[in-house]
Amino acid sequence: MEVSDEGNTTSRVFRGSVKVQVVGDGRQDGVVLRENESARVEKGEGGPRLVMPGKVGDPLTFVRQLVRPPRVLDLLDIVAGGNGMGWGRERGIDPSTGMEDPVFAARDRGGDRQYRPVGWHKLIDGVFMPDGKAGPVQLDSAGHTFAGFPGTDGRVFGSIWARAAEVKPNDRRAEIINNWVYAMGPGKQFMPDHRGLLGLSPNVGITFNLEAMRRAHPGTVPSRFRAVAGLADARRVFAEHGQDPDRLPASVAADLWVFVDGRLKFKRLQLRPESGTLKVDVELAPGDRFLTLAVTDGGDKIVADWFVLGDPVLEMVSTLSENQE
């Protein structure tokens, strides 16, 4: 609706319908405007009068997008149950069932190596536990599979976990083993944007639904996946807390895999704590449906494979014109 300096009003309808009612001197004139119609109410000596419907005019003259489209979607917030626009943390997912984990599960988990849909969250398609010995592994609900994973023991320790950037100090030594995502310390080297850490202890996979994200955030599409990958140094942490680092393997390693609609887009094998940090940057096309992240144990089982993705986000690009934004 527009109001002129003289007090005349013009109503324009772009979608749906609007009833314009003129009330005065016992008269009640009105008209129902439908899509692409307009009407004007003018002041006059005999009172306001209704000018019958006309064309709606140029829609780009008007701002109709009141909320600016998101520039990034935060995958930590999504794993914690959010829509990617908030700062949800300290929650996770059971990689063996796809169910929510309200607390970090400090135990080994095994499964039947089946793809598990995550029905409680529309932005997460499913989870799985990769094991090349079991044959091709299903990556998403569309049925894409991958036959190149190494053989693993089919087990994972703990949850797929969204950890906050700031961790309260805790000197309980049991935390070193039971909750490695906190025992690893600040982990600042993995999160330059100070968003937080996605804990992915091998052997685990999670698939995000890009198509659902486009529906949830109209006017934008995911264009890139970005994160900082690496392994925290468990031996150093054990030594700092007075534990015997020789209880751990002399060397640990993990493999990172990134797929888009079943196509392998990024692979890095034998990542170790001494490898430092690794920037992950994967381009996404407007029509891509699924982003899959998987971590395997590098051939040395899962002991002390403290693998994290820091600041994991999807960069979003707008599909709207500048006037619509």
C-alpha atoms as a PDB file:
ATOM      1  CA  MET A   1       0.000   0.000   0.000  1.00  0.00           C
ATOM      2  CA  GLU A   2       1.146   3.516  -0.847  1.00  0.00           C
ATOM      3  CA  VAL A   3      -0.052   6.727   0.845  1.00  0.00           C
ATOM      4  CA  SER A   4       0.502  10.029  -0.944  1.00  0.00           C
ATOM      5  CA  ASP A   5       1.126  13.408   0.699  1.00  0.00           C
ATOM      6  CA  GLU A   6      -2.513  14.281  -0.066  1.00  0.00           C
ATOM      7  CA  GLY A   7      -3.748  11.219   1.818  1.00  0.00           C
ATOM      8  CA  ASN A   8      -4.727   9.158  -1.241  1.00  0.00           C
ATOM      9  CA  THR A   9      -4.006   5.437  -0.937  1.00  0.00           C
ATOM     10  CA  THR A  10      -3.125   2.869  -3.583  1.00  0.00           C
ATOM     11  CA  SER A  11      -3.335  -0.845  -2.870  1.00  0.00           C
ATOM     12  CA  ARG A  12      -1.519  -3.341  -5.067  1.00  0.00           C
ATOM     13  CA  VAL A  13      -1.764  -7.129  -4.862  1.00  0.00           C
ATOM     14  CA  PHE A  14       1.071  -9.373  -6.032  1.00  0.00           C
ATOM     15  CA  ARG A  15      -0.246 -12.623  -4.602  1.00  0.00           C
ATOM     16  CA  GLY A  16      -3.521 -13.757  -3.035  1.00  0.00           C
ATOM     17  CA  SER A  17      -6.406 -11.287  -2.595  1.00  0.00           C
ATOM     18  CA  VAL A  18      -7.170  -8.136  -0.586  1.00  0.00           C
ATOM     19  CA  LYS A  19     -10.478  -6.385   0.074  1.00  0.00           C
ATOM     20  CA  VAL A  20     -10.313  -2.575  -0.138  1.00  0.00           C
ATOM     21  CA  GLN A  21     -13.210  -0.972   1.801  1.00  0.00           C
ATOM     22  CA  VAL A  22     -14.200   2.699   1.771  1.00  0.00           C
ATOM     23  CA  VAL A  23     -16.343   3.774   4.740  1.00  0.00           C
ATOM     24  CA  GLY A  24     -17.881   7.224   5.103  1.00  0.00           C
ATOM     25  CA  ASP A  25     -21.231   9.119   5.235  1.00  0.00           C
ATOM     26  CA  GLY A  26     -23.165   5.887   5.522  1.00  0.00           C
ATOM     27  CA  ARG A  27     -21.564   4.478   2.386  1.00  0.00           C
ATOM     28  CA  GLN A  28     -19.567   1.306   2.228  1.00  0.00           C
ATOM     29  CA  ASP A  29     -17.900   0.890  -1.133  1.00  0.00           C
ATOM     30  CA  GLY A  30     -15.536  -1.992  -1.553  1.00  0.00           C
ATOM     31  CA  VAL A  31     -13.760  -4.173  -4.050  1.00  0.00           C
ATOM     32  CA  VAL A  32     -11.779  -7.410  -3.832  1.00  0.00           C
ATOM     33  CA  LEU A  33      -8.398  -7.126  -5.521  1.00  0.00           C
ATOM     34  CA  ARG A  34      -6.820 -10.252  -6.874  1.00  0.00           C
ATOM     35  CA  GLU A  35      -3.342 -11.047  -8.166  1.00  0.00           C
ATOM     36  CA  ASN A  36      -1.847  -8.287 -10.370  1.00  0.00           C
ATOM     37  CA  GLU A  37      -4.666  -5.807  -9.623  1.00  0.00           C
ATOM     38  CA  SER A  38      -4.646  -2.424  -7.896  1.00  0.00           C
ATOM     39  CA  ALA A  39      -7.164   0.154  -6.647  1.00  0.00           C
ATOM     40  CA  ARG A  40      -6.938   3.718  -5.399  1.00  0.00           C
ATOM     41  CA  VAL A  41      -8.947   5.591  -2.770  1.00  0.00           C
ATOM     42  CA  GLU A  42      -8.933   9.338  -3.389  1.00  0.00           C
ATOM     43  CA  LYS A  43     -10.023  12.156  -1.103  1.00  0.00           C
ATOM     44  CA  GLY A  44     -12.603  14.584  -2.459  1.00  0.00           C
ATOM     45  CA  GLU A  45     -15.183  17.183  -1.418  1.00  0.00           C
ATOM     46  CA  GLY A  46     -17.881  14.513  -1.259  1.00  0.00           C
ATOM     47  CA  GLY A  47     -15.674  12.189   0.806  1.00  0.00           C
ATOM     48  CA  PRO A  48     -13.335   9.422  -0.247  1.00  0.00           C
ATOM     49  CA  ARG A  49     -14.072   7.619  -3.474  1.00  0.00           C
ATOM     50  CA  LEU A  50     -12.885   4.314  -4.849  1.00  0.00           C
ATOM     51  CA  VAL A  51     -11.176   4.224  -8.223  1.00  0.00           C
ATOM     52  CA  MET A  52     -11.845   0.831  -9.757  1.00  0.00           C
ATOM     53  CA  PRO A  53      -9.103  -1.768 -10.221  1.00  0.00           C
ATOM     54  CA  GLY A  54      -6.206  -1.214 -12.537  1.00  0.00           C
ATOM     55  CA  LYS A  55      -2.897  -2.910 -13.250  1.00  0.00           C
ATOM     56  CA  VAL A  56      -0.568  -3.607 -10.361  1.00  0.00           C
ATOM     57  CA  GLY A  57       2.394  -1.808 -11.909  1.00  0.00           C
ATOM     58  CA  ASP A  58       6.086  -2.673 -11.690  1.00  0.00           C
ATOM     59  CA  PRO A  59       6.556  -5.158  -8.810  1.00  0.00           C
ATOM     60  CA  LEU A  60      10.274  -4.396  -8.557  1.00  0.00           C
ATOM     61  CA  THR A  61       9.356  -0.928  -7.279  1.00  0.00           C
ATOM     62  CA  PHE A  62       8.439  -2.502  -3.953  1.00  0.00           C
ATOM     63  CA  VAL A  63      10.484  -4.314  -1.343  1.00  0.00           C
ATOM     64  CA  ARG A  64       8.870  -7.690  -0.702  1.00  0.00           C
ATOM     65  CA  GLN A  65      11.800  -9.555   0.877  1.00  0.00           C
ATOM     66  CA  LEU A  66      11.894  -8.248   4.461  1.00  0.00           C
ATOM     67  CA  VAL A  67      14.490 -10.748   5.739  1.00  0.00           C
ATOM     68  CA  ARG A  68      17.855 -10.805   3.987  1.00  0.00           C
ATOM     69  CA  PRO A  69      18.725 -14.309   2.753  1.00  0.00           C
ATOM     70  CA  PRO A  70      21.365 -16.117   4.836  1.00  0.00           C
ATOM     71  CA  ARG A  71      24.980 -15.827   3.735  1.00  0.00           C
ATOM     72  CA  VAL A  72      25.951 -19.102   5.418  1.00  0.00           C
ATOM     73  CA  LEU A  73      24.193 -22.065   6.972  1.00  0.00           C
ATOM     74  CA  ASP A  74      25.910 -23.388  10.079  1.00  0.00           C
ATOM     75  CA  LEU A  75      26.163 -27.188   9.972  1.00  0.00           C
ATOM     76  CA  LEU A  76      26.844 -27.342  13.712  1.00  0.00           C
ATOM     77  CA  ASP A  77      23.499 -25.688  14.367  1.00  0.00           C
ATOM     78  CA  ILE A  78      21.835 -28.178  12.022  1.00  0.00           C
ATOM     79  CA  VAL A  79      23.435 -31.198  13.713  1.00  0.00           C
ATOM     80  CA  ALA A  80      22.222 -29.784  17.043  1.00  0.00           C
ATOM     81  CA  GLY A  81      18.656 -29.634  15.679  1.00  0.00           C
ATOM     82  CA  GLY A  82      18.480 -26.088  14.278  1.00  0.00           C
ATOM     83  CA  ASN A  83      17.841 -24.657  10.817  1.00  0.00           C
ATOM     84  CA  GLY A  84      21.411 -23.456  10.228  1.00  0.00           C
ATOM     85  CA  MET A  85      20.695 -19.850  11.209  1.00  0.00           C
ATOM     86  CA  GLY A  86      21.332 -20.161  14.941  1.00  0.00           C
ATOM     87  CA  TRP A  87      24.069 -21.237  17.316  1.00  0.00           C
ATOM     88  CA  GLY A  88      22.745 -24.568  18.544  1.00  0.00           C
ATOM     89  CA  ARG A  89      25.535 -26.653  20.066  1.00  0.00           C
ATOM     90  CA  GLU A  90      26.177 -29.452  22.578  1.00  0.00           C
ATOM     91  CA  ARG A  91      23.914 -31.995  20.924  1.00  0.00           C
ATOM     92  CA  GLY A  92      24.497 -34.761  18.432  1.00  0.00           C
ATOM     93  CA  ILE A  93      23.325 -37.812  16.528  1.00  0.00           C
ATOM     94  CA  ASP A  94      23.732 -41.532  17.083  1.00  0.00           C
ATOM     95  CA  PRO A  95      25.561 -42.734  13.918  1.00  0.00           C
ATOM     96  CA  SER A  96      24.217 -46.268  14.353  1.00  0.00           C
ATOM     97  CA  THR A  97      20.515 -45.326  14.501  1.00  0.00           C
ATOM     98  CA  GLY A  98      20.097 -41.731  13.308  1.00  0.00           C
ATOM     99  CA  MET A  99      18.394 -40.776  16.577  1.00  0.00           C
ATOM    100  CA  GLU A 100      19.168 -37.643  18.599  1.00  0.00           C
ATOM    101  CA  ASP A 101      21.926 -37.732  21.220  1.00  0.00           C
ATOM    102  CA  PRO A 102      21.207 -35.089  23.888  1.00  0.00           C
ATOM    103  CA  VAL A 103      24.499 -36.002  25.627  1.00  0.00           C
ATOM    104  CA  PHE A 104      27.768 -37.264  24.193  1.00  0.00           C
ATOM    105  CA  ALA A 105      27.692 -41.080  24.223  1.00  0.00           C
ATOM    106  CA  ALA A 106      31.102 -42.150  25.559  1.00  0.00           C
ATOM    107  CA  ARG A 107      31.032 -45.722  24.300  1.00  0.00           C
ATOM    108  CA  ASP A 108      31.707 -47.856  21.256  1.00  0.00           C
ATOM    109  CA  ARG A 109      28.845 -48.304  18.844  1.00  0.00           C
ATOM    110  CA  GLY A 110      28.361 -50.931  16.211  1.00  0.00           C
ATOM    111  CA  GLY A 111      25.691 -51.318  13.606  1.00  0.00           C
ATOM    112  CA  ASP A 112      24.366 -53.431  10.787  1.00  0.00           C
ATOM    113  CA  ARG A 113      26.067 -51.189   8.190  1.00  0.00           C
ATOM    114  CA  GLN A 114      22.714 -49.951   6.874  1.00  0.00           C
ATOM    115  CA  TYR A 115      21.901 -46.390   5.853  1.00  0.00           C
ATOM    116  CA  ARG A 116      19.804 -44.777   8.595  1.00  0.00           C
ATOM    117  CA  PRO A 117      17.422 -41.940   7.649  1.00  0.00           C
ATOM    118  CA  VAL A 118      17.232 -39.039  10.110  1.00  0.00           C
ATOM    119  CA  GLY A 119      13.479 -38.582  10.122  1.00  0.00           C
ATOM    120  CA  TRP A 120      13.387 -36.018  12.931  1.00  0.00           C
ATOM    121  CA  HIS A 121      15.343 -33.376  10.968  1.00  0.00           C
ATOM    122  CA  LYS A 122      14.343 -32.343   7.452  1.00  0.00           C
ATOM    123  CA  LEU A 123      17.786 -30.859   6.668  1.00  0.00           C
ATOM    124  CA  ILE A 124      19.682 -34.080   7.483  1.00  0.00           C
ATOM    125  CA  ASP A 125      19.057 -36.974   5.115  1.00  0.00           C
ATOM    126  CA  GLY A 126      20.716 -39.778   7.088  1.00  0.00           C
ATOM    127  CA  VAL A 127      23.774 -41.330   8.718  1.00  0.00           C
ATOM    128  CA  PHE A 128      25.846 -44.473   8.160  1.00  0.00           C
ATOM    129  CA  MET A 129      28.955 -46.324   9.318  1.00  0.00           C
ATOM    130  CA  PRO A 130      31.230 -46.980   6.318  1.00  0.00           C
ATOM    131  CA  ASP A 131      32.985 -50.323   5.964  1.00  0.00           C
ATOM    132  CA  GLY A 132      34.462 -51.331   2.618  1.00  0.00           C
ATOM    133  CA  LYS A 133      34.495 -55.008   3.606  1.00  0.00           C
ATOM    134  CA  ALA A 134      30.695 -54.993   3.466  1.00  0.00           C
ATOM    135  CA  GLY A 135      30.634 -53.982  -0.225  1.00  0.00           C
ATOM    136  CA  PRO A 136      29.246 -50.742  -1.721  1.00  0.00           C
ATOM    137  CA  VAL A 137      28.087 -48.326   0.993  1.00  0.00           C
ATOM    138  CA  GLN A 138      24.833 -46.378   0.598  1.00  0.00           C
ATOM    139  CA  LEU A 139      25.439 -42.635   0.909  1.00  0.00           C
ATOM    140  CA  ASP A 140      21.973 -41.061   0.698  1.00  0.00           C
ATOM    141  CA  SER A 141      18.258 -41.771   0.396  1.00  0.00           C
ATOM    142  CA  ALA A 142      18.454 -41.511  -3.404  1.00  0.00           C
ATOM    143  CA  GLY A 143      20.413 -44.776  -3.378  1.00  0.00           C
ATOM    144  CA  HIS A 144      23.846 -43.480  -4.391  1.00  0.00           C
ATOM    145  CA  THR A 145      26.586 -45.861  -3.272  1.00  0.00           C
ATOM    146  CA  PHE A 146      30.380 -45.869  -3.035  1.00  0.00           C
ATOM    147  CA  ALA A 147      32.565 -48.966  -3.285  1.00  0.00           C
ATOM    148  CA  GLY A 148      35.912 -47.344  -2.521  1.00  0.00           C
ATOM    149  CA  PHE A 149      35.878 -47.134   1.261  1.00  0.00           C
ATOM    150  CA  PRO A 150      38.598 -49.138   3.021  1.00  0.00           C
ATOM    151  CA  GLY A 151      37.693 -52.059   5.205  1.00  0.00           C
ATOM    152  CA  THR A 152      37.088 -50.993   8.799  1.00  0.00           C
ATOM    153  CA  ASP A 153      35.991 -52.697  11.993  1.00  0.00           C
ATOM    154  CA  GLY A 154      32.536 -51.184  11.537  1.00  0.00           C
ATOM    155  CA  ARG A 155      32.627 -49.411  14.873  1.00  0.00           C
ATOM    156  CA  VAL A 156      32.590 -45.803  16.052  1.00  0.00           C
ATOM    157  CA  PHE A 157      33.245 -44.208  19.449  1.00  0.00           C
ATOM    158  CA  GLY A 158      30.705 -41.690  20.672  1.00  0.00           C
ATOM    159  CA  SER A 159      28.320 -39.420  18.808  1.00  0.00           C
ATOM    160  CA  ILE A 160      28.369 -37.198  15.765  1.00  0.00           C
ATOM    161  CA  TRP A 161      28.733 -34.134  17.955  1.00  0.00           C
ATOM    162  CA  ALA A 162      28.345 -30.338  17.610  1.00  0.00           C
ATOM    163  CA  ARG A 163      30.736 -28.803  20.143  1.00  0.00           C
ATOM    164  CA  ALA A 164      30.764 -25.146  21.099  1.00  0.00           C
ATOM    165  CA  ALA A 165      33.888 -23.065  20.590  1.00  0.00           C
ATOM    166  CA  GLU A 166      34.167 -22.229  24.291  1.00  0.00           C
ATOM    167  CA  VAL A 167      34.515 -25.168  26.679  1.00  0.00           C
ATOM    168  CA  LYS A 168      34.302 -24.786  30.435  1.00  0.00           C
ATOM    169  CA  PRO A 169      37.467 -25.977  32.229  1.00  0.00           C
ATOM    170  CA  ASN A 170      37.220 -29.506  33.515  1.00  0.00           C
ATOM    171  CA  ASP A 171      40.077 -31.253  35.289  1.00  0.00           C
ATOM    172  CA  ARG A 172      38.390 -34.633  35.658  1.00  0.00           C
ATOM    173  CA  ARG A 173      40.838 -37.096  34.166  1.00  0.00           C
ATOM    174  CA  ALA A 174      38.043 -39.419  33.067  1.00  0.00           C
ATOM    175  CA  GLU A 175      37.113 -36.776  30.499  1.00  0.00           C
ATOM    176  CA  ILE A 176      40.330 -37.553  28.598  1.00  0.00           C
ATOM    177  CA  ILE A 177      39.015 -40.899  27.492  1.00  0.00           C
ATOM    178  CA  ASN A 178      35.252 -40.611  27.828  1.00  0.00           C
ATOM    179  CA  ASN A 179      34.596 -37.269  26.123  1.00  0.00           C
ATOM    180  CA  TRP A 180      37.436 -36.688  23.705  1.00  0.00           C
ATOM    181  CA  VAL A 181      35.649 -33.765  22.001  1.00  0.00           C
ATOM    182  CA  TYR A 182      36.189 -31.801  25.235  1.00  0.00           C
ATOM    183  CA  ALA A 183      39.409 -33.424  26.428  1.00  0.00           C
ATOM    184  CA  MET A 184      41.151 -32.317  23.226  1.00  0.00           C
ATOM    185  CA  GLY A 185      41.239 -28.770  24.574  1.00  0.00           C
ATOM    186  CA  PRO A 186      40.345 -25.458  22.905  1.00  0.00           C
ATOM    187  CA  GLY A 187      41.076 -26.630  19.348  1.00  0.00           C
ATOM    188  CA  LYS A 188      41.474 -23.043  18.175  1.00  0.00           C
ATOM    189  CA  GLN A 189      43.639 -24.113  15.243  1.00  0.00           C
ATOM    190  CA  PHE A 190      40.613 -25.842  13.713  1.00  0.00           C
ATOM    191  CA  MET A 191      38.146 -22.945  14.030  1.00  0.00           C
ATOM    192  CA  PRO A 192      39.491 -19.577  12.873  1.00  0.00           C
ATOM    193  CA  ASP A 193      35.928 -18.226  12.774  1.00  0.00           C
ATOM    194  CA  HIS A 194      35.316 -19.397  16.347  1.00  0.00           C
ATOM    195  CA  ARG A 195      32.119 -21.249  15.473  1.00  0.00           C
ATOM    196  CA  GLY A 196      32.870 -24.630  16.992  1.00  0.00           C
ATOM    197  CA  LEU A 197      33.787 -28.206  16.125  1.00  0.00           C
ATOM    198  CA  LEU A 198      31.979 -31.122  14.525  1.00  0.00           C
ATOM    199  CA  GLY A 199      33.334 -34.276  16.156  1.00  0.00           C
ATOM    200  CA  LEU A 200      33.425 -37.206  13.715  1.00  0.00           C
ATOM    201  CA  SER A 201      35.231 -40.096  15.306  1.00  0.00           C
ATOM    202  CA  PRO A 202      35.749 -42.776  12.626  1.00  0.00           C
ATOM    203  CA  ASN A 203      33.946 -44.706  11.227  1.00  0.00           C
ATOM    204  CA  VAL A 204      31.036 -42.444  10.467  1.00  0.00           C
ATOM    205  CA  GLY A 205      29.131 -40.671   7.705  1.00  0.00           C
ATOM    206  CA  ILE A 206      26.431 -37.998   7.633  1.00  0.00           C
ATOM    207  CA  THR A 207      24.431 -36.710   4.650  1.00  0.00           C
ATOM    208  CA  PHE A 208      22.813 -33.271   4.504  1.00  0.00           C
ATOM    209  CA  ASN A 209      19.765 -32.551   2.331  1.00  0.00           C
ATOM    210  CA  LEU A 210      20.658 -29.577   0.107  1.00  0.00           C
ATOM    211  CA  GLU A 211      17.295 -29.643  -1.641  1.00  0.00           C
ATOM    212  CA  ALA A 212      15.496 -29.278   1.686  1.00  0.00           C
ATOM    213  CA  MET A 213      17.780 -26.359   2.562  1.00  0.00           C
ATOM    214  CA  ARG A 214      16.754 -24.550  -0.607  1.00  0.00           C
ATOM    215  CA  ARG A 215      13.103 -25.049   0.304  1.00  0.00           C
ATOM    216  CA  ALA A 216      13.670 -23.925   3.897  1.00  0.00           C
ATOM    217  CA  HIS A 217      15.548 -20.790   2.813  1.00  0.00           C
ATOM    218  CA  PRO A 218      13.868 -19.611  -0.429  1.00  0.00           C
ATOM    219  CA  GLY A 219      15.805 -17.186  -2.546  1.00  0.00           C
ATOM    220  CA  THR A 220      19.158 -18.835  -1.794  1.00  0.00           C
ATOM    221  CA  VAL A 221      21.113 -21.906  -2.851  1.00  0.00           C
ATOM    222  CA  PRO A 222      24.168 -23.568  -1.238  1.00  0.00           C
ATOM    223  CA  SER A 223      27.241 -22.766  -3.333  1.00  0.00           C
ATOM    224  CA  ARG A 224      30.188 -24.143  -1.316  1.00  0.00           C
ATOM    225  CA  PHE A 225      30.987 -26.357   1.643  1.00  0.00           C
ATOM    226  CA  ARG A 226      33.811 -25.024   3.797  1.00  0.00           C
ATOM    227  CA  ALA A 227      35.503 -26.359   6.924  1.00  0.00           C
ATOM    228  CA  VAL A 228      38.888 -26.874   8.582  1.00  0.00           C
ATOM    229  CA  ALA A 229      39.758 -30.544   9.110  1.00  0.00           C
ATOM    230  CA  GLY A 230      42.298 -32.273  11.314  1.00  0.00           C
ATOM    231  CA  LEU A 231      43.079 -34.621  14.181  1.00  0.00           C
ATOM    232  CA  ALA A 232      43.662 -33.449  17.726  1.00  0.00           C
ATOM    233  CA  ASP A 233      46.831 -34.826  19.311  1.00  0.00           C
ATOM    234  CA  ALA A 234      45.673 -37.395  21.868  1.00  0.00           C
ATOM    235  CA  ARG A 235      49.214 -38.289  22.947  1.00  0.00           C
ATOM    236  CA  ARG A 236      49.941 -34.674  23.890  1.00  0.00           C
ATOM    237  CA  VAL A 237      46.682 -34.405  25.817  1.00  0.00           C
ATOM    238  CA  PHE A 238      47.388 -37.619  27.747  1.00  0.00           C
ATOM    239  CA  ALA A 239      50.856 -36.368  28.691  1.00  0.00           C
ATOM    240  CA  GLU A 240      49.500 -32.965  29.802  1.00  0.00           C
ATOM    241  CA  HIS A 241      47.013 -34.684  32.129  1.00  0.00           C
ATOM    242  CA  GLY A 242      49.534 -37.053  33.676  1.00  0.00           C
ATOM    243  CA  GLN A 243      48.317 -40.073  31.741  1.00  0.00           C
ATOM    244  CA  ASP A 244      50.684 -42.495  30.034  1.00  0.00           C
ATOM    245  CA  PRO A 245      50.748 -41.649  26.299  1.00  0.00           C
ATOM    246  CA  ASP A 246      52.266 -45.062  25.598  1.00  0.00           C
ATOM    247  CA  ARG A 247      48.807 -46.493  26.213  1.00  0.00           C
ATOM    248  CA  LEU A 248      47.938 -45.036  22.817  1.00  0.00           C
ATOM    249  CA  PRO A 249      49.123 -46.202  19.397  1.00  0.00           C
ATOM    250  CA  ALA A 250      52.427 -44.718  18.290  1.00  0.00           C
ATOM    251  CA  SER A 251      50.646 -43.217  15.301  1.00  0.00           C
ATOM    252  CA  VAL A 252      47.000 -42.587  14.446  1.00  0.00           C
ATOM    253  CA  ALA A 253      45.396 -41.670  11.137  1.00  0.00           C
ATOM    254  CA  ALA A 254      42.002 -41.019   9.603  1.00  0.00           C
ATOM    255  CA  ASP A 255      40.623 -40.518   6.095  1.00  0.00           C
ATOM    256  CA  LEU A 256      38.205 -37.773   5.034  1.00  0.00           C
ATOM    257  CA  TRP A 257      35.725 -38.195   2.178  1.00  0.00           C
ATOM    258  CA  VAL A 258      33.267 -35.626   0.759  1.00  0.00           C
ATOM    259  CA  PHE A 259      30.569 -36.598  -1.749  1.00  0.00           C
ATOM    260  CA  VAL A 260      27.925 -34.671  -3.652  1.00  0.00           C
ATOM    261  CA  ASP A 261      25.060 -36.802  -4.971  1.00  0.00           C
ATOM    262  CA  GLY A 262      27.278 -39.861  -4.688  1.00  0.00           C
ATOM    263  CA  ARG A 263      30.193 -38.296  -6.596  1.00  0.00           C
ATOM    264  CA  LEU A 264      33.496 -38.151  -4.730  1.00  0.00           C
ATOM    265  CA  LYS A 265      34.481 -34.462  -4.609  1.00  0.00           C
ATOM    266  CA  PHE A 266      37.227 -34.426  -1.990  1.00  0.00           C
ATOM    267  CA  LYS A 267      39.456 -37.092  -0.455  1.00  0.00           C
ATOM    268  CA  ARG A 268      42.395 -36.917   1.903  1.00  0.00           C
ATOM    269  CA  LEU A 269      43.915 -40.137   3.223  1.00  0.00           C
ATOM    270  CA  GLN A 270      46.116 -40.721   6.253  1.00  0.00           C
ATOM    271  CA  LEU A 271      45.473 -37.455   8.053  1.00  0.00           C
ATOM    272  CA  ARG A 272      47.480 -37.403  11.290  1.00  0.00           C
ATOM    273  CA  PRO A 273      47.813 -34.977  14.206  1.00  0.00           C
ATOM    274  CA  GLU A 274      51.200 -33.937  12.848  1.00  0.00           C
ATOM    275  CA  SER A 275      49.563 -33.144   9.492  1.00  0.00           C
ATOM    276  CA  GLY A 276      48.223 -29.915  10.978  1.00  0.00           C
ATOM    277  CA  THR A 277      45.048 -28.337   9.646  1.00  0.00           C
ATOM    278  CA  LEU A 278      43.475 -28.910   6.254  1.00  0.00           C
ATOM    279  CA  LYS A 279      41.159 -26.458   4.544  1.00  0.00           C
ATOM    280  CA  VAL A 280      38.195 -28.148   2.882  1.00  0.00           C
ATOM    281  CA  ASP A 281      36.431 -26.229   0.110  1.00  0.00           C
ATOM    282  CA  VAL A 282      33.937 -28.045  -2.128  1.00  0.00           C
ATOM    283  CA  GLU A 283      31.884 -26.297  -4.799  1.00  0.00           C
ATOM    284  CA  LEU A 284      28.164 -27.059  -5.035  1.00  0.00           C
ATOM    285  CA  ALA A 285      25.874 -26.680  -8.052  1.00  0.00           C
ATOM    286  CA  PRO A 286      22.351 -25.168  -7.798  1.00  0.00           C
ATOM    287  CA  GLY A 287      20.686 -28.521  -8.484  1.00  0.00           C
ATOM    288  CA  ASP A 288      22.765 -30.713  -6.140  1.00  0.00           C
ATOM    289  CA  ARG A 289      20.632 -32.675  -3.690  1.00  0.00           C
ATOM    290  CA  PHE A 290      22.943 -34.244  -1.110  1.00  0.00           C
ATOM    291  CA  LEU A 291      26.240 -33.422   0.643  1.00  0.00           C
ATOM    292  CA  THR A 292      27.864 -36.411   2.336  1.00  0.00           C
ATOM    293  CA  LEU A 293      30.755 -36.236   4.824  1.00  0.00           C
ATOM    294  CA  ALA A 294      32.485 -39.473   5.851  1.00  0.00           C
ATOM    295  CA  VAL A 295      35.493 -40.336   8.001  1.00  0.00           C
ATOM    296  CA  THR A 296      37.222 -43.732   8.127  1.00  0.00           C
ATOM    297  CA  ASP A 297      39.926 -44.947  10.496  1.00  0.00           C
ATOM    298  CA  GLY A 298      42.928 -44.943   8.171  1.00  0.00           C
ATOM    299  CA  GLY A 299      43.586 -48.659   8.642  1.00  0.00           C
ATOM    300  CA  ASP A 300      44.654 -48.469  12.286  1.00  0.00           C
ATOM    301  CA  LYS A 301      41.286 -48.826  14.052  1.00  0.00           C
ATOM    302  CA  ILE A 302      39.590 -45.991  15.914  1.00  0.00           C
ATOM    303  CA  VAL A 303      41.760 -45.617  19.023  1.00  0.00           C
ATOM    304  CA  ALA A 304      42.650 -41.907  19.534  1.00  0.00           C
ATOM    305  CA  ASP A 305      41.366 -40.893  16.082  1.00  0.00           C
ATOM    306  CA  TRP A 306      40.143 -37.539  17.381  1.00  0.00           C
ATOM    307  CA  PHE A 307      38.919 -36.134  14.069  1.00  0.00           C
ATOM    308  CA  VAL A 308      37.107 -32.788  13.838  1.00  0.00           C
ATOM    309  CA  LEU A 309      35.719 -30.399  11.251  1.00  0.00           C
ATOM    310  CA  GLY A 310      36.047 -26.828  12.482  1.00  0.00           C
ATOM    311  CA  ASP A 311      33.659 -24.035  11.453  1.00  0.00           C
ATOM    312  CA  PRO A 312      31.696 -26.248   9.007  1.00  0.00           C
ATOM    313  CA  VAL A 313      29.352 -24.069   6.944  1.00  0.00           C
ATOM    314  CA  LEU A 314      27.565 -23.924   3.638  1.00  0.00           C
ATOM    315  CA  GLU A 315      28.102 -20.663   1.771  1.00  0.00           C
ATOM    316  CA  MET A 316      24.789 -19.457   0.337  1.00  0.00           C
ATOM    317  CA  VAL A 317      24.233 -17.299  -2.740  1.00  0.00           C
ATOM    318  CA  SER A 318      21.078 -15.344  -3.427  1.00  0.00           C
ATOM    319  CA  THR A 319      18.877 -16.107  -6.407  1.00  0.00           C
ATOM    320  CA  LEU A 320      17.012 -12.798  -5.984  1.00  0.00           C
ATOM    321  CA  SER A 321      17.704  -9.530  -7.737  1.00  0.00           C
ATOM    322  CA  GLU A 322      19.112  -6.613  -5.724  1.00  0.00           C
ATOM    323  CA  ASN A 323      15.689  -4.974  -5.635  1.00  0.00           C
ATOM    324  CA  GLN A 324      14.107  -8.107  -4.190  1.00  0.00           C
ATOM    325  CA  GLU A 325      16.745  -8.339  -1.489  1.00  0.00           C
END
